[in-house]
Amino acid sequence: MAEVKDACGVVGVFSPREDVPRLVYHALYALQHRGQESAGMAVSDGDSMVVFKELGLVAQVFDESVLQSLQGHVAVGHVRYSTTGASSWNNAQPSYKSAPSGQFALAHNGNLVNSNDLRDSLELAGGDPTPGRALR
């Protein structure tokens, strides 16, 4: 039987009163059929952002200690099915970037055909196109 694959799963949650990382974890677990190569989550409290991503299934990537270390009221999560690019940590999402106006994380389903142009635009705006506080 062929390996089970689909197309990336993406989720976002905002809630000042809930355990947002745990909600994203459960949503990613429900979306696991959309991608089995890697799982990741970016969580923010409004001041700082932490990205945690790793190769593997959701339940392998996010154990209890990781979930407890992620604090914030807004998050984006991603499970990856690669359509282009190797199945590697560098290609896992969300991607993190910083700019003069703040920091942001991006998770998407599909291929960014203009990623080099986007990187150049970020650099011209004074942003740092290198990964930021990404935990492994």
N, C-alpha and C. Protein backbone atom coordinates (compact mmCIF):
# COMPACT_ATOMS: atom_id res chain seq x y z
N MET A 1 0.83 -1.18 0.00
CA MET A 1 0.00 0.00 0.00
C MET A 1 0.88 1.24 0.00
N ALA A 2 0.48 2.26 -0.73
CA ALA A 2 1.24 3.50 -0.81
C ALA A 2 1.17 4.25 0.52
N GLU A 3 2.19 5.06 0.75
CA GLU A 3 2.22 5.87 1.97
C GLU A 3 1.06 6.85 1.98
N VAL A 4 0.41 7.01 3.13
CA VAL A 4 -0.72 7.92 3.25
C VAL A 4 -0.21 9.36 3.26
N LYS A 5 -0.70 10.18 2.33
CA LYS A 5 -0.34 11.60 2.27
C LYS A 5 -1.54 12.37 1.78
N ASP A 6 -1.53 13.66 1.98
CA ASP A 6 -2.61 14.50 1.49
C ASP A 6 -2.00 15.84 1.12
N ALA A 7 -2.36 16.88 1.78
CA ALA A 7 -1.79 18.21 1.57
C ALA A 7 -1.82 18.93 2.90
N CYS A 8 -0.81 19.72 3.20
CA CYS A 8 -0.62 20.35 4.51
C CYS A 8 -1.90 20.70 5.25
N GLY A 9 -1.80 20.68 6.57
CA GLY A 9 -2.88 21.14 7.43
C GLY A 9 -2.43 22.38 8.18
N VAL A 10 -3.28 23.39 8.22
CA VAL A 10 -2.96 24.66 8.86
C VAL A 10 -4.09 25.05 9.80
N VAL A 11 -3.74 25.56 10.98
CA VAL A 11 -4.75 26.00 11.95
C VAL A 11 -4.24 27.25 12.66
N GLY A 12 -5.17 28.12 13.01
CA GLY A 12 -4.86 29.30 13.81
C GLY A 12 -5.86 29.43 14.94
N VAL A 13 -5.39 29.87 16.10
CA VAL A 13 -6.27 30.03 17.27
C VAL A 13 -5.91 31.34 17.98
N PHE A 14 -6.95 32.09 18.36
CA PHE A 14 -6.81 33.26 19.22
C PHE A 14 -7.79 33.12 20.36
N SER A 15 -7.31 33.18 21.58
CA SER A 15 -8.19 33.12 22.75
C SER A 15 -7.43 33.57 23.98
N PRO A 16 -7.80 34.71 24.56
CA PRO A 16 -7.13 35.18 25.77
C PRO A 16 -7.40 34.31 27.00
N ARG A 17 -8.43 33.46 26.96
CA ARG A 17 -8.82 32.71 28.16
C ARG A 17 -8.57 31.21 28.08
N GLU A 18 -8.08 30.71 26.96
CA GLU A 18 -7.91 29.27 26.79
C GLU A 18 -6.42 28.91 26.74
N ASP A 19 -6.15 27.63 26.86
CA ASP A 19 -4.80 27.08 26.71
C ASP A 19 -4.57 26.90 25.20
N VAL A 20 -4.16 27.99 24.55
CA VAL A 20 -4.06 28.02 23.09
C VAL A 20 -3.12 26.95 22.54
N PRO A 21 -1.91 26.75 23.08
CA PRO A 21 -1.05 25.70 22.53
C PRO A 21 -1.72 24.32 22.56
N ARG A 22 -2.45 24.02 23.61
CA ARG A 22 -3.13 22.72 23.68
C ARG A 22 -4.26 22.64 22.65
N LEU A 23 -4.98 23.73 22.42
CA LEU A 23 -6.02 23.74 21.39
C LEU A 23 -5.41 23.50 20.01
N VAL A 24 -4.28 24.16 19.75
CA VAL A 24 -3.60 23.96 18.46
C VAL A 24 -3.11 22.52 18.34
N TYR A 25 -2.58 21.98 19.42
CA TYR A 25 -2.14 20.58 19.42
C TYR A 25 -3.29 19.66 18.99
N HIS A 26 -4.44 19.81 19.62
CA HIS A 26 -5.58 18.94 19.29
C HIS A 26 -6.07 19.17 17.86
N ALA A 27 -6.03 20.40 17.40
CA ALA A 27 -6.41 20.68 16.01
C ALA A 27 -5.43 20.03 15.04
N LEU A 28 -4.13 20.13 15.33
CA LEU A 28 -3.13 19.50 14.47
C LEU A 28 -3.27 17.98 14.49
N TYR A 29 -3.58 17.45 15.65
CA TYR A 29 -3.79 16.00 15.75
C TYR A 29 -4.95 15.58 14.85
N ALA A 30 -6.01 16.38 14.84
CA ALA A 30 -7.16 16.09 13.98
C ALA A 30 -6.82 16.27 12.50
N LEU A 31 -5.83 17.11 12.20
CA LEU A 31 -5.41 17.35 10.82
C LEU A 31 -4.23 16.47 10.41
N GLN A 32 -3.82 15.54 11.26
CA GLN A 32 -2.63 14.74 11.00
C GLN A 32 -2.69 14.05 9.64
N HIS A 33 -3.88 13.67 9.19
CA HIS A 33 -4.02 13.01 7.88
C HIS A 33 -3.60 13.91 6.73
N ARG A 34 -3.49 15.22 6.97
CA ARG A 34 -3.12 16.18 5.93
C ARG A 34 -1.60 16.25 5.73
N GLY A 35 -0.83 15.72 6.66
CA GLY A 35 0.62 15.74 6.53
C GLY A 35 1.26 14.99 7.67
N GLN A 36 2.20 14.12 7.35
CA GLN A 36 2.83 13.28 8.36
C GLN A 36 4.34 13.49 8.47
N GLU A 37 4.88 14.46 7.76
CA GLU A 37 6.34 14.62 7.73
C GLU A 37 6.87 15.47 8.88
N SER A 38 6.15 16.51 9.24
CA SER A 38 6.59 17.38 10.33
C SER A 38 5.38 18.09 10.93
N ALA A 39 5.59 18.62 12.12
CA ALA A 39 4.55 19.39 12.80
C ALA A 39 5.22 20.58 13.47
N GLY A 40 4.51 21.70 13.51
CA GLY A 40 5.08 22.88 14.14
C GLY A 40 4.01 23.83 14.64
N MET A 41 4.45 24.71 15.52
CA MET A 41 3.53 25.67 16.13
C MET A 41 4.30 26.94 16.47
N ALA A 42 3.70 28.09 16.18
CA ALA A 42 4.22 29.39 16.62
C ALA A 42 3.22 29.97 17.59
N VAL A 43 3.68 30.37 18.77
CA VAL A 43 2.81 30.87 19.83
C VAL A 43 3.32 32.24 20.28
N SER A 44 2.38 33.18 20.46
CA SER A 44 2.75 34.53 20.89
C SER A 44 1.86 34.99 22.03
N ASP A 45 2.47 35.76 22.93
CA ASP A 45 1.72 36.40 24.01
C ASP A 45 1.49 37.88 23.72
N GLY A 46 1.84 38.31 22.52
CA GLY A 46 1.71 39.70 22.14
C GLY A 46 3.01 40.47 22.23
N ASP A 47 3.94 39.99 23.03
CA ASP A 47 5.25 40.62 23.16
C ASP A 47 6.35 39.78 22.53
N SER A 48 6.29 38.49 22.73
CA SER A 48 7.32 37.60 22.19
C SER A 48 6.65 36.43 21.48
N MET A 49 7.43 35.76 20.67
CA MET A 49 6.93 34.62 19.91
C MET A 49 7.94 33.48 20.01
N VAL A 50 7.42 32.28 20.14
CA VAL A 50 8.25 31.08 20.15
C VAL A 50 7.72 30.14 19.07
N VAL A 51 8.63 29.59 18.30
CA VAL A 51 8.29 28.61 17.27
C VAL A 51 8.91 27.28 17.68
N PHE A 52 8.11 26.24 17.67
CA PHE A 52 8.61 24.89 17.92
C PHE A 52 8.14 24.02 16.77
N LYS A 53 9.10 23.36 16.12
CA LYS A 53 8.77 22.48 15.00
C LYS A 53 9.79 21.36 14.95
N GLU A 54 9.35 20.23 14.43
CA GLU A 54 10.24 19.07 14.36
C GLU A 54 9.67 18.09 13.34
N LEU A 55 10.53 17.24 12.82
CA LEU A 55 10.09 16.16 11.94
C LEU A 55 9.34 15.13 12.77
N GLY A 56 8.27 14.59 12.22
CA GLY A 56 7.52 13.55 12.92
C GLY A 56 6.05 13.88 13.02
N LEU A 57 5.33 12.97 13.65
CA LEU A 57 3.90 13.12 13.85
C LEU A 57 3.63 14.07 15.03
N VAL A 58 2.44 14.63 15.07
CA VAL A 58 2.08 15.59 16.11
C VAL A 58 2.36 15.05 17.51
N ALA A 59 1.92 13.84 17.78
CA ALA A 59 2.11 13.25 19.12
C ALA A 59 3.58 12.99 19.44
N GLN A 60 4.43 12.87 18.43
CA GLN A 60 5.86 12.69 18.66
C GLN A 60 6.56 14.03 18.88
N VAL A 61 6.09 15.06 18.21
CA VAL A 61 6.73 16.37 18.26
C VAL A 61 6.38 17.12 19.55
N PHE A 62 5.12 17.08 19.95
CA PHE A 62 4.64 17.86 21.09
C PHE A 62 4.34 16.97 22.28
N ASP A 63 5.30 16.84 23.19
CA ASP A 63 5.01 16.12 24.43
C ASP A 63 4.54 17.14 25.48
N GLU A 64 4.22 16.67 26.65
CA GLU A 64 3.66 17.55 27.69
C GLU A 64 4.61 18.68 28.06
N SER A 65 5.91 18.41 28.15
CA SER A 65 6.85 19.46 28.53
C SER A 65 6.93 20.56 27.47
N VAL A 66 6.86 20.18 26.20
CA VAL A 66 6.86 21.18 25.12
C VAL A 66 5.60 22.03 25.21
N LEU A 67 4.44 21.39 25.35
CA LEU A 67 3.19 22.14 25.42
C LEU A 67 3.19 23.11 26.60
N GLN A 68 3.73 22.70 27.74
CA GLN A 68 3.76 23.58 28.90
C GLN A 68 4.72 24.75 28.71
N SER A 69 5.73 24.57 27.87
CA SER A 69 6.70 25.65 27.63
C SER A 69 6.18 26.70 26.65
N LEU A 70 5.16 26.38 25.90
CA LEU A 70 4.59 27.30 24.92
C LEU A 70 3.46 28.09 25.58
N GLN A 71 3.66 29.39 25.72
CA GLN A 71 2.68 30.24 26.40
C GLN A 71 2.25 31.38 25.48
N GLY A 72 0.95 31.60 25.41
CA GLY A 72 0.44 32.72 24.62
C GLY A 72 -1.03 32.58 24.33
N HIS A 73 -1.60 33.64 23.77
CA HIS A 73 -3.03 33.65 23.47
C HIS A 73 -3.33 33.61 21.98
N VAL A 74 -2.29 33.54 21.16
CA VAL A 74 -2.48 33.43 19.71
C VAL A 74 -1.42 32.47 19.16
N ALA A 75 -1.85 31.62 18.23
CA ALA A 75 -0.91 30.62 17.69
C ALA A 75 -1.35 30.19 16.30
N VAL A 76 -0.37 29.72 15.55
CA VAL A 76 -0.62 29.09 14.26
C VAL A 76 0.11 27.75 14.28
N GLY A 77 -0.52 26.73 13.72
CA GLY A 77 0.08 25.40 13.68
C GLY A 77 0.07 24.84 12.27
N HIS A 78 0.94 23.86 12.03
CA HIS A 78 1.10 23.32 10.68
C HIS A 78 1.55 21.86 10.75
N VAL A 79 0.96 21.03 9.91
CA VAL A 79 1.48 19.68 9.63
C VAL A 79 1.82 19.66 8.15
N ARG A 80 2.97 19.07 7.81
CA ARG A 80 3.49 19.19 6.44
C ARG A 80 3.39 17.91 5.65
N TYR A 81 2.95 18.10 4.43
CA TYR A 81 3.04 17.13 3.36
C TYR A 81 3.81 17.83 2.26
N SER A 82 5.02 17.37 1.96
CA SER A 82 5.85 18.10 1.00
C SER A 82 5.42 17.83 -0.43
N THR A 83 5.22 18.93 -1.14
CA THR A 83 4.98 18.85 -2.58
C THR A 83 6.24 19.26 -3.33
N THR A 84 7.05 20.11 -2.70
CA THR A 84 8.38 20.45 -3.20
C THR A 84 9.30 20.57 -2.00
N GLY A 85 10.57 20.41 -2.23
CA GLY A 85 11.53 20.51 -1.14
C GLY A 85 11.61 19.22 -0.35
N ALA A 86 12.76 19.03 0.25
CA ALA A 86 13.01 17.82 1.02
C ALA A 86 12.21 17.83 2.32
N SER A 87 12.03 16.66 2.86
CA SER A 87 11.41 16.53 4.17
C SER A 87 12.51 16.77 5.20
N SER A 88 12.69 18.04 5.58
CA SER A 88 13.78 18.42 6.48
C SER A 88 13.27 19.44 7.49
N TRP A 89 14.04 19.63 8.57
CA TRP A 89 13.66 20.59 9.59
C TRP A 89 13.55 21.99 9.01
N ASN A 90 14.47 22.35 8.11
CA ASN A 90 14.44 23.69 7.51
C ASN A 90 13.18 23.95 6.71
N ASN A 91 12.57 22.91 6.17
CA ASN A 91 11.34 23.08 5.39
C ASN A 91 10.08 22.93 6.23
N ALA A 92 10.24 22.54 7.49
CA ALA A 92 9.08 22.45 8.38
C ALA A 92 8.55 23.86 8.66
N GLN A 93 7.28 23.95 8.96
CA GLN A 93 6.65 25.24 9.25
C GLN A 93 6.06 25.22 10.65
N PRO A 94 5.74 26.36 11.19
CA PRO A 94 5.74 27.70 10.63
C PRO A 94 7.16 28.26 10.49
N SER A 95 7.28 29.20 9.53
CA SER A 95 8.51 29.95 9.36
C SER A 95 8.39 31.21 10.21
N TYR A 96 9.50 31.62 10.78
CA TYR A 96 9.54 32.79 11.66
C TYR A 96 10.41 33.87 11.02
N LYS A 97 9.96 35.09 11.09
CA LYS A 97 10.73 36.23 10.61
C LYS A 97 10.53 37.40 11.55
N SER A 98 11.52 38.29 11.58
CA SER A 98 11.37 39.52 12.34
C SER A 98 11.53 40.69 11.38
N ALA A 99 10.88 41.79 11.71
CA ALA A 99 10.93 43.01 10.92
C ALA A 99 10.91 44.17 11.89
N PRO A 100 11.20 45.38 11.42
CA PRO A 100 11.17 46.53 12.33
C PRO A 100 9.83 46.71 13.05
N SER A 101 8.76 46.32 12.40
CA SER A 101 7.43 46.48 13.01
C SER A 101 7.07 45.35 13.96
N GLY A 102 7.88 44.31 14.03
CA GLY A 102 7.60 43.20 14.92
C GLY A 102 8.02 41.87 14.32
N GLN A 103 7.51 40.82 14.88
CA GLN A 103 7.84 39.48 14.42
C GLN A 103 6.58 38.79 13.93
N PHE A 104 6.76 37.83 13.02
CA PHE A 104 5.60 37.11 12.53
C PHE A 104 5.98 35.69 12.16
N ALA A 105 4.98 34.85 12.14
CA ALA A 105 5.15 33.46 11.73
C ALA A 105 4.20 33.20 10.57
N LEU A 106 4.64 32.36 9.64
CA LEU A 106 3.85 32.05 8.46
C LEU A 106 3.75 30.54 8.31
N ALA A 107 2.53 30.07 8.15
CA ALA A 107 2.28 28.66 7.81
C ALA A 107 1.31 28.68 6.64
N HIS A 108 1.58 27.86 5.64
CA HIS A 108 0.73 27.88 4.45
C HIS A 108 0.60 26.49 3.86
N ASN A 109 -0.38 26.35 3.02
CA ASN A 109 -0.64 25.11 2.30
C ASN A 109 -0.39 25.40 0.83
N GLY A 110 0.69 24.89 0.29
CA GLY A 110 1.00 25.13 -1.11
C GLY A 110 2.45 25.51 -1.28
N ASN A 111 2.75 26.02 -2.45
CA ASN A 111 4.11 26.42 -2.79
C ASN A 111 4.16 27.93 -2.98
N LEU A 112 5.09 28.59 -2.31
CA LEU A 112 5.32 30.01 -2.53
C LEU A 112 6.29 30.13 -3.69
N VAL A 113 5.78 30.55 -4.83
CA VAL A 113 6.62 30.62 -6.02
C VAL A 113 7.49 31.87 -6.04
N ASN A 114 7.18 32.83 -5.18
CA ASN A 114 7.96 34.07 -5.14
C ASN A 114 8.67 34.25 -3.80
N SER A 115 9.10 33.16 -3.18
CA SER A 115 9.71 33.26 -1.85
C SER A 115 10.98 34.11 -1.86
N ASN A 116 11.77 34.05 -2.92
CA ASN A 116 12.98 34.87 -2.98
C ASN A 116 12.63 36.35 -3.05
N ASP A 117 11.59 36.70 -3.81
CA ASP A 117 11.14 38.10 -3.88
C ASP A 117 10.63 38.57 -2.52
N LEU A 118 9.90 37.71 -1.82
CA LEU A 118 9.40 38.06 -0.49
C LEU A 118 10.55 38.28 0.48
N ARG A 119 11.57 37.43 0.41
CA ARG A 119 12.75 37.58 1.27
C ARG A 119 13.46 38.90 0.96
N ASP A 120 13.63 39.22 -0.33
CA ASP A 120 14.28 40.47 -0.71
C ASP A 120 13.50 41.68 -0.21
N SER A 121 12.18 41.64 -0.32
CA SER A 121 11.33 42.74 0.16
C SER A 121 11.48 42.92 1.66
N LEU A 122 11.54 41.82 2.39
CA LEU A 122 11.70 41.88 3.84
C LEU A 122 13.05 42.50 4.20
N GLU A 123 14.10 42.11 3.47
CA GLU A 123 15.42 42.67 3.74
C GLU A 123 15.46 44.16 3.45
N LEU A 124 14.82 44.59 2.34
CA LEU A 124 14.78 46.01 1.99
C LEU A 124 14.03 46.82 3.04
N ALA A 125 13.05 46.21 3.67
CA ALA A 125 12.27 46.88 4.71
C ALA A 125 12.99 46.88 6.05
N GLY A 126 14.18 46.28 6.09
CA GLY A 126 14.95 46.26 7.33
C GLY A 126 14.72 45.03 8.18
N GLY A 127 14.04 44.06 7.65
CA GLY A 127 13.75 42.84 8.40
C GLY A 127 14.90 41.85 8.36
N ASP A 128 14.87 40.93 9.26
CA ASP A 128 15.86 39.87 9.36
C ASP A 128 15.25 38.59 8.79
N PRO A 129 15.70 38.13 7.62
CA PRO A 129 15.09 36.95 7.00
C PRO A 129 15.60 35.62 7.54
N THR A 130 16.34 35.65 8.61
CA THR A 130 16.84 34.39 9.17
C THR A 130 15.91 33.91 10.26
N PRO A 131 15.91 32.61 10.53
CA PRO A 131 15.04 32.10 11.59
C PRO A 131 15.35 32.78 12.91
N GLY A 132 14.33 33.05 13.66
CA GLY A 132 14.49 33.72 14.95
C GLY A 132 14.53 32.72 16.07
N ARG A 133 13.71 32.93 17.05
CA ARG A 133 13.72 32.08 18.24
C ARG A 133 12.96 30.79 17.93
N ALA A 134 13.59 29.95 17.17
CA ALA A 134 13.00 28.66 16.82
C ALA A 134 13.64 27.59 17.70
N LEU A 135 12.84 26.86 18.39
CA LEU A 135 13.34 25.82 19.29
C LEU A 135 13.34 24.48 18.58
N ARG A 136 14.26 23.64 18.97
CA ARG A 136 14.33 22.31 18.36
C ARG A 136 14.49 21.28 19.42
